[in-house]
PDB file of N, CA and C in Angstrom:
ATOM      1  N   MET A   1     135.077 162.918 123.652  1.00  0.00           N
ATOM      2  CA  MET A   1     136.348 162.829 122.739  1.00  0.00           C
ATOM      3  C   MET A   1     137.532 162.344 123.355  1.00  0.00           C
ATOM      4  N   GLU A   2     137.757 162.228 124.613  1.00  0.00           N
ATOM      5  CA  GLU A   2     138.672 161.782 125.542  1.00  0.00           C
ATOM      6  C   GLU A   2     138.543 160.273 125.582  1.00  0.00           C
ATOM      7  N   LYS A   3     137.441 159.858 125.576  1.00  0.00           N
ATOM      8  CA  LYS A   3     137.134 158.259 125.450  1.00  0.00           C
ATOM      9  C   LYS A   3     137.359 157.449 124.121  1.00  0.00           C
ATOM     10  N   LYS A   4     137.174 158.288 122.923  1.00  0.00           N
ATOM     11  CA  LYS A   4     137.616 157.880 121.707  1.00  0.00           C
ATOM     12  C   LYS A   4     139.029 157.768 121.529  1.00  0.00           C
ATOM     13  N   LEU A   5     139.783 158.724 122.030  1.00  0.00           N
ATOM     14  CA  LEU A   5     141.158 158.739 121.960  1.00  0.00           C
ATOM     15  C   LEU A   5     141.723 157.679 122.844  1.00  0.00           C
ATOM     16  N   GLU A   6     141.232 157.498 123.881  1.00  0.00           N
ATOM     17  CA  GLU A   6     141.817 156.444 124.727  1.00  0.00           C
ATOM     18  C   GLU A   6     141.487 154.963 124.043  1.00  0.00           C
ATOM     19  N   ALA A   7     140.473 154.891 123.636  1.00  0.00           N
ATOM     20  CA  ALA A   7     140.126 153.447 122.583  1.00  0.00           C
ATOM     21  C   ALA A   7     141.125 153.538 121.377  1.00  0.00           C
ATOM     22  N   ILE A   8     141.331 154.467 120.997  1.00  0.00           N
ATOM     23  CA  ILE A   8     142.151 154.801 119.645  1.00  0.00           C
ATOM     24  C   ILE A   8     143.716 154.147 120.354  1.00  0.00           C
ATOM     25  N   LEU A   9     144.245 154.590 121.037  1.00  0.00           N
ATOM     26  CA  LEU A   9     145.509 154.486 121.655  1.00  0.00           C
ATOM     27  C   LEU A   9     145.565 153.129 122.168  1.00  0.00           C
ATOM     28  N   TRP A  10     144.578 152.375 122.806  1.00  0.00           N
ATOM     29  CA  TRP A  10     144.707 151.071 123.550  1.00  0.00           C
ATOM     30  C   TRP A  10     144.647 150.132 121.969  1.00  0.00           C
ATOM     31  N   GLY A  11     143.786 150.464 121.210  1.00  0.00           N
ATOM     32  CA  GLY A  11     143.799 149.658 119.897  1.00  0.00           C
ATOM     33  C   GLY A  11     145.053 149.605 119.132  1.00  0.00           C
ATOM     34  N   ILE A  12     145.617 150.796 119.134  1.00  0.00           N
ATOM     35  CA  ILE A  12     147.029 151.020 118.601  1.00  0.00           C
ATOM     36  C   ILE A  12     148.184 149.977 119.445  1.00  0.00           C
ATOM     37  N   THR A  13     147.991 149.973 120.728  1.00  0.00           N
ATOM     38  CA  THR A  13     148.843 149.178 121.461  1.00  0.00           C
ATOM     39  C   THR A  13     148.889 147.748 121.326  1.00  0.00           C
ATOM     40  N   PHE A  14     147.465 147.118 121.045  1.00  0.00           N
ATOM     41  CA  PHE A  14     147.388 145.714 121.077  1.00  0.00           C
ATOM     42  C   PHE A  14     146.099 145.486 120.532  1.00  0.00           C
ATOM     43  N   PRO A  15     146.066 144.832 119.345  1.00  0.00           N
ATOM     44  CA  PRO A  15     144.519 144.539 118.773  1.00  0.00           C
ATOM     45  C   PRO A  15     143.643 143.955 120.061  1.00  0.00           C
ATOM     46  N   GLY A  16     142.735 144.379 120.086  1.00  0.00           N
ATOM     47  CA  GLY A  16     141.727 143.664 120.938  1.00  0.00           C
ATOM     48  C   GLY A  16     141.390 144.684 122.479  1.00  0.00           C
ATOM     49  N   PHE A  17     142.414 145.274 122.790  1.00  0.00           N
ATOM     50  CA  PHE A  17     142.316 146.191 123.964  1.00  0.00           C
ATOM     51  C   PHE A  17     140.992 147.357 123.792  1.00  0.00           C
ATOM     52  N   ALA A  18     140.941 147.684 122.749  1.00  0.00           N
ATOM     53  CA  ALA A  18     139.749 148.855 122.576  1.00  0.00           C
ATOM     54  C   ALA A  18     138.516 148.087 122.794  1.00  0.00           C
ATOM     55  N   GLN A  19     138.271 147.035 122.116  1.00  0.00           N
ATOM     56  CA  GLN A  19     137.008 146.263 122.365  1.00  0.00           C
ATOM     57  C   GLN A  19     136.573 145.778 123.718  1.00  0.00           C
ATOM     58  N   LEU A  20     137.780 145.499 124.362  1.00  0.00           N
ATOM     59  CA  LEU A  20     137.661 145.150 126.029  1.00  0.00           C
ATOM     60  C   LEU A  20     137.108 146.283 126.557  1.00  0.00           C
ATOM     61  N   LEU A  21     137.829 147.610 126.372  1.00  0.00           N
ATOM     62  CA  LEU A  21     137.444 148.771 126.913  1.00  0.00           C
ATOM     63  C   LEU A  21     135.860 149.076 126.665  1.00  0.00           C
ATOM     64  N   HIS A  22     135.404 148.677 125.486  1.00  0.00           N
ATOM     65  CA  HIS A  22     134.069 149.102 125.187  1.00  0.00           C
ATOM     66  C   HIS A  22     133.300 147.813 125.525  1.00  0.00           C
ATOM     67  N   ARG A  23     133.815 147.094 126.372  1.00  0.00           N
ATOM     68  CA  ARG A  23     132.732 145.782 126.815  1.00  0.00           C
ATOM     69  C   ARG A  23     132.596 144.871 125.617  1.00  0.00           C
ATOM     70  N   SER A  24     133.219 144.735 124.771  1.00  0.00           N
ATOM     71  CA  SER A  24     132.755 143.768 123.771  1.00  0.00           C
ATOM     72  C   SER A  24     133.914 142.596 124.069  1.00  0.00           C
ATOM     73  N   TYR A  25     133.584 142.122 125.037  1.00  0.00           N
ATOM     74  CA  TYR A  25     134.563 141.040 125.761  1.00  0.00           C
ATOM     75  C   TYR A  25     134.614 139.904 124.762  1.00  0.00           C
ATOM     76  N   VAL A  26     133.836 139.318 123.978  1.00  0.00           N
ATOM     77  CA  VAL A  26     134.162 138.224 123.142  1.00  0.00           C
ATOM     78  C   VAL A  26     134.888 138.514 121.868  1.00  0.00           C
ATOM     79  N   LYS A  27     134.720 139.885 121.302  1.00  0.00           N
ATOM     80  CA  LYS A  27     135.405 140.294 120.164  1.00  0.00           C
ATOM     81  C   LYS A  27     136.941 140.640 120.919  1.00  0.00           C
ATOM     82  N   GLY A  28     137.037 141.325 121.764  1.00  0.00           N
ATOM     83  CA  GLY A  28     138.298 141.640 122.469  1.00  0.00           C
ATOM     84  C   GLY A  28     139.253 140.491 122.503  1.00  0.00           C
ATOM     85  N   ILE A  29     138.681 139.371 123.220  1.00  0.00           N
ATOM     86  CA  ILE A  29     139.434 138.436 123.578  1.00  0.00           C
ATOM     87  C   ILE A  29     139.677 137.613 122.317  1.00  0.00           C
ATOM     88  N   ALA A  30     138.838 137.327 121.184  1.00  0.00           N
ATOM     89  CA  ALA A  30     139.236 136.791 120.214  1.00  0.00           C
ATOM     90  C   ALA A  30     140.309 137.488 119.638  1.00  0.00           C
ATOM     91  N   PHE A  31     140.426 138.907 119.328  1.00  0.00           N
ATOM     92  CA  PHE A  31     141.500 139.801 118.539  1.00  0.00           C
ATOM     93  C   PHE A  31     142.758 139.338 119.202  1.00  0.00           C
ATOM     94  N   ILE A  32     142.612 139.159 120.744  1.00  0.00           N
ATOM     95  CA  ILE A  32     143.933 139.095 121.484  1.00  0.00           C
ATOM     96  C   ILE A  32     144.447 137.530 121.215  1.00  0.00           C
ATOM     97  N   VAL A  33     143.518 136.690 121.118  1.00  0.00           N
ATOM     98  CA  VAL A  33     144.044 135.370 120.917  1.00  0.00           C
ATOM     99  C   VAL A  33     144.443 135.130 119.528  1.00  0.00           C
ATOM    100  N   ILE A  34     143.819 135.768 118.433  1.00  0.00           N
ATOM    101  CA  ILE A  34     144.339 135.572 117.139  1.00  0.00           C
ATOM    102  C   ILE A  34     145.672 136.330 116.889  1.00  0.00           C
ATOM    103  N   GLU A  35     145.868 137.299 117.549  1.00  0.00           N
ATOM    104  CA  GLU A  35     147.258 138.430 117.459  1.00  0.00           C
ATOM    105  C   GLU A  35     148.190 137.515 118.003  1.00  0.00           C
ATOM    106  N   ILE A  36     147.840 136.613 119.209  1.00  0.00           N
ATOM    107  CA  ILE A  36     148.938 136.202 119.668  1.00  0.00           C
ATOM    108  C   ILE A  36     149.197 134.854 118.730  1.00  0.00           C
ATOM    109  N   LEU A  37     148.199 134.391 118.050  1.00  0.00           N
ATOM    110  CA  LEU A  37     148.777 133.062 117.153  1.00  0.00           C
ATOM    111  C   LEU A  37     149.385 133.481 115.971  1.00  0.00           C
ATOM    112  N   VAL A  38     149.034 134.618 115.441  1.00  0.00           N
ATOM    113  CA  VAL A  38     149.605 135.109 114.265  1.00  0.00           C
ATOM    114  C   VAL A  38     151.138 135.509 114.697  1.00  0.00           C
ATOM    115  N   ASN A  39     151.297 136.092 115.738  1.00  0.00           N
ATOM    116  CA  ASN A  39     152.572 136.600 116.379  1.00  0.00           C
ATOM    117  C   ASN A  39     153.622 135.252 116.353  1.00  0.00           C
ATOM    118  N   VAL A  40     153.007 134.160 117.097  1.00  0.00           N
ATOM    119  CA  VAL A  40     153.716 133.213 117.314  1.00  0.00           C
ATOM    120  C   VAL A  40     154.180 132.234 115.783  1.00  0.00           C
ATOM    121  N   GLN A  41     153.134 132.124 115.026  1.00  0.00           N
ATOM    122  CA  GLN A  41     153.279 131.232 113.840  1.00  0.00           C
ATOM    123  C   GLN A  41     154.112 131.908 112.767  1.00  0.00           C
ATOM    124  N   GLY A  42     154.089 133.347 113.078  1.00  0.00           N
ATOM    125  CA  GLY A  42     154.696 134.035 111.967  1.00  0.00           C
ATOM    126  C   GLY A  42     156.277 134.419 112.217  1.00  0.00           C
ATOM    127  N   ASN A  43     156.512 133.962 113.564  1.00  0.00           N
ATOM    128  CA  ASN A  43     157.840 134.074 114.288  1.00  0.00           C
ATOM    129  C   ASN A  43     158.356 135.525 114.398  1.00  0.00           C
ATOM    130  N   LEU A  44     157.483 136.425 114.733  1.00  0.00           N
ATOM    131  CA  LEU A  44     157.491 137.850 114.707  1.00  0.00           C
ATOM    132  C   LEU A  44     158.564 138.232 115.672  1.00  0.00           C
ATOM    133  N   ASN A  45     158.317 137.807 116.920  1.00  0.00           N
ATOM    134  CA  ASN A  45     159.306 138.127 118.082  1.00  0.00           C
ATOM    135  C   ASN A  45     160.724 137.669 117.297  1.00  0.00           C
ATOM    136  N   THR A  46     161.159 136.483 116.926  1.00  0.00           N
ATOM    137  CA  THR A  46     162.168 136.085 116.707  1.00  0.00           C
ATOM    138  C   THR A  46     163.008 137.030 115.498  1.00  0.00           C
ATOM    139  N   LEU A  47     161.973 137.386 114.495  1.00  0.00           N
ATOM    140  CA  LEU A  47     162.345 138.330 113.515  1.00  0.00           C
ATOM    141  C   LEU A  47     162.886 139.597 113.912  1.00  0.00           C
ATOM    142  N   ILE A  48     162.274 139.954 114.901  1.00  0.00           N
ATOM    143  CA  ILE A  48     162.698 141.252 115.502  1.00  0.00           C
ATOM    144  C   ILE A  48     164.010 141.352 116.278  1.00  0.00           C
ATOM    145  N   VAL A  49     164.179 140.423 116.974  1.00  0.00           N
ATOM    146  CA  VAL A  49     165.281 140.080 117.549  1.00  0.00           C
ATOM    147  C   VAL A  49     166.571 139.949 116.696  1.00  0.00           C
ATOM    148  N   LEU A  50     166.452 139.064 115.750  1.00  0.00           N
ATOM    149  CA  LEU A  50     167.504 138.862 114.756  1.00  0.00           C
ATOM    150  C   LEU A  50     167.748 140.027 114.204  1.00  0.00           C
ATOM    151  N   SER A  51     166.724 140.815 113.477  1.00  0.00           N
ATOM    152  CA  SER A  51     167.068 142.050 112.817  1.00  0.00           C
ATOM    153  C   SER A  51     167.729 142.958 113.638  1.00  0.00           C
ATOM    154  N   PHE A  52     167.298 143.005 114.992  1.00  0.00           N
ATOM    155  CA  PHE A  52     168.088 144.165 115.843  1.00  0.00           C
ATOM    156  C   PHE A  52     169.513 143.585 116.025  1.00  0.00           C
ATOM    157  N   GLN A  53     169.767 142.494 115.934  1.00  0.00           N
ATOM    158  CA  GLN A  53     171.089 142.048 116.105  1.00  0.00           C
ATOM    159  C   GLN A  53     171.864 142.081 115.031  1.00  0.00           C
ATOM    160  N   GLY A  54     171.334 142.492 113.981  1.00  0.00           N
ATOM    161  CA  GLY A  54     172.037 142.456 112.820  1.00  0.00           C
ATOM    162  C   GLY A  54     172.042 141.031 111.710  1.00  0.00           C
ATOM    163  N   TYR A  55     171.389 140.175 111.991  1.00  0.00           N
ATOM    164  CA  TYR A  55     171.232 138.811 111.356  1.00  0.00           C
ATOM    165  C   TYR A  55     169.902 138.965 110.284  1.00  0.00           C
ATOM    166  N   THR A  56     169.935 140.011 109.386  1.00  0.00           N
ATOM    167  CA  THR A  56     168.644 140.210 108.934  1.00  0.00           C
ATOM    168  C   THR A  56     168.530 138.931 107.570  1.00  0.00           C
ATOM    169  N   GLN A  57     169.356 138.679 107.089  1.00  0.00           N
ATOM    170  CA  GLN A  57     169.502 137.456 106.050  1.00  0.00           C
ATOM    171  C   GLN A  57     168.767 136.206 107.072  1.00  0.00           C
ATOM    172  N   GLU A  58     169.145 135.839 108.545  1.00  0.00           N
ATOM    173  CA  GLU A  58     168.594 134.789 108.999  1.00  0.00           C
ATOM    174  C   GLU A  58     167.199 134.803 109.238  1.00  0.00           C
ATOM    175  N   ALA A  59     166.751 136.446 109.524  1.00  0.00           N
ATOM    176  CA  ALA A  59     165.506 136.692 109.905  1.00  0.00           C
ATOM    177  C   ALA A  59     164.710 136.573 108.806  1.00  0.00           C
ATOM    178  N   VAL A  60     165.069 136.633 107.473  1.00  0.00           N
ATOM    179  CA  VAL A  60     164.314 136.632 106.179  1.00  0.00           C
ATOM    180  C   VAL A  60     163.868 135.245 105.968  1.00  0.00           C
ATOM    181  N   GLN A  61     164.875 134.478 106.323  1.00  0.00           N
ATOM    182  CA  GLN A  61     164.856 132.868 106.031  1.00  0.00           C
ATOM    183  C   GLN A  61     163.845 132.198 107.007  1.00  0.00           C
ATOM    184  N   GLN A  62     163.735 132.925 108.258  1.00  0.00           N
ATOM    185  CA  GLN A  62     162.896 132.189 109.366  1.00  0.00           C
ATOM    186  C   GLN A  62     161.551 132.741 109.371  1.00  0.00           C
ATOM    187  N   ALA A  63     161.332 133.662 108.339  1.00  0.00           N
ATOM    188  CA  ALA A  63     159.962 134.389 108.401  1.00  0.00           C
ATOM    189  C   ALA A  63     158.979 133.437 107.790  1.00  0.00           C
ATOM    190  N   ASP A  64     157.706 133.355 108.205  1.00  0.00           N
ATOM    191  CA  ASP A  64     156.603 132.677 107.555  1.00  0.00           C
ATOM    192  C   ASP A  64     155.616 133.806 107.126  1.00  0.00           C
ATOM    193  N   TYR A  65     155.732 134.048 105.906  1.00  0.00           N
ATOM    194  CA  TYR A  65     154.934 135.282 105.239  1.00  0.00           C
ATOM    195  C   TYR A  65     153.724 134.825 105.089  1.00  0.00           C
ATOM    196  N   LEU A  66     153.205 133.511 105.188  1.00  0.00           N
ATOM    197  CA  LEU A  66     151.629 133.567 105.107  1.00  0.00           C
ATOM    198  C   LEU A  66     151.040 133.892 106.146  1.00  0.00           C
ATOM    199  N   TRP A  67     151.545 133.824 107.561  1.00  0.00           N
ATOM    200  CA  TRP A  67     151.325 134.413 108.939  1.00  0.00           C
ATOM    201  C   TRP A  67     151.555 136.079 108.986  1.00  0.00           C
ATOM    202  N   ILE A  68     152.254 136.179 108.482  1.00  0.00           N
ATOM    203  CA  ILE A  68     152.787 137.821 108.726  1.00  0.00           C
ATOM    204  C   ILE A  68     152.173 138.481 107.708  1.00  0.00           C
ATOM    205  N   MET A  69     151.749 138.229 106.519  1.00  0.00           N
ATOM    206  CA  MET A  69     150.613 138.915 105.918  1.00  0.00           C
ATOM    207  C   MET A  69     149.047 139.254 106.425  1.00  0.00           C
ATOM    208  N   PHE A  70     148.965 138.218 107.245  1.00  0.00           N
ATOM    209  CA  PHE A  70     147.554 138.403 108.008  1.00  0.00           C
ATOM    210  C   PHE A  70     147.691 139.288 109.137  1.00  0.00           C
ATOM    211  N   TYR A  71     148.782 139.684 109.466  1.00  0.00           N
ATOM    212  CA  TYR A  71     148.844 140.698 110.759  1.00  0.00           C
ATOM    213  C   TYR A  71     148.528 141.981 110.471  1.00  0.00           C
ATOM    214  N   PRO A  72     148.766 142.460 109.459  1.00  0.00           N
ATOM    215  CA  PRO A  72     148.472 144.089 109.118  1.00  0.00           C
ATOM    216  C   PRO A  72     146.712 144.099 109.156  1.00  0.00           C
ATOM    217  N   CYS A  73     145.997 143.218 108.485  1.00  0.00           N
ATOM    218  CA  CYS A  73     144.548 142.766 108.202  1.00  0.00           C
ATOM    219  C   CYS A  73     144.202 143.054 109.687  1.00  0.00           C
ATOM    220  N   LEU A  74     144.728 141.919 110.715  1.00  0.00           N
ATOM    221  CA  LEU A  74     144.146 141.947 111.891  1.00  0.00           C
ATOM    222  C   LEU A  74     144.453 143.328 112.760  1.00  0.00           C
ATOM    223  N   TYR A  75     145.611 143.942 112.465  1.00  0.00           N
ATOM    224  CA  TYR A  75     146.092 145.008 113.518  1.00  0.00           C
ATOM    225  C   TYR A  75     144.973 146.300 113.068  1.00  0.00           C
ATOM    226  N   PHE A  76     144.667 146.266 111.815  1.00  0.00           N
ATOM    227  CA  PHE A  76     143.887 147.808 111.370  1.00  0.00           C
ATOM    228  C   PHE A  76     142.471 147.280 111.771  1.00  0.00           C
ATOM    229  N   PHE A  77     141.978 146.009 111.638  1.00  0.00           N
ATOM    230  CA  PHE A  77     140.455 145.816 111.730  1.00  0.00           C
ATOM    231  C   PHE A  77     140.470 145.931 113.159  1.00  0.00           C
ATOM    232  N   GLY A  78     141.554 145.701 114.257  1.00  0.00           N
ATOM    233  CA  GLY A  78     141.157 145.682 115.431  1.00  0.00           C
ATOM    234  C   GLY A  78     141.266 147.248 115.959  1.00  0.00           C
ATOM    235  N   ILE A  79     141.872 148.160 115.307  1.00  0.00           N
ATOM    236  CA  ILE A  79     141.951 149.604 115.722  1.00  0.00           C
ATOM    237  C   ILE A  79     140.571 150.059 115.639  1.00  0.00           C
TER     238      ILE A  79
END
């Protein structure tokens, strides 16, 4: 039970870490690379910073929704 909880928590933290924990290295590295690609292409870090600073309209304008809509699918599949 403890190993399953550990894998779930690592999977929630970052897609791909749970797969690395279970020694599925190719799948884990693929999830990590795809997650970073989606994060960069969707400007997620920039959007988060802008929204925390109160520039929500600018954050909405800079969002690339085609990439951002792929992120939840990747995230939940990675868990």
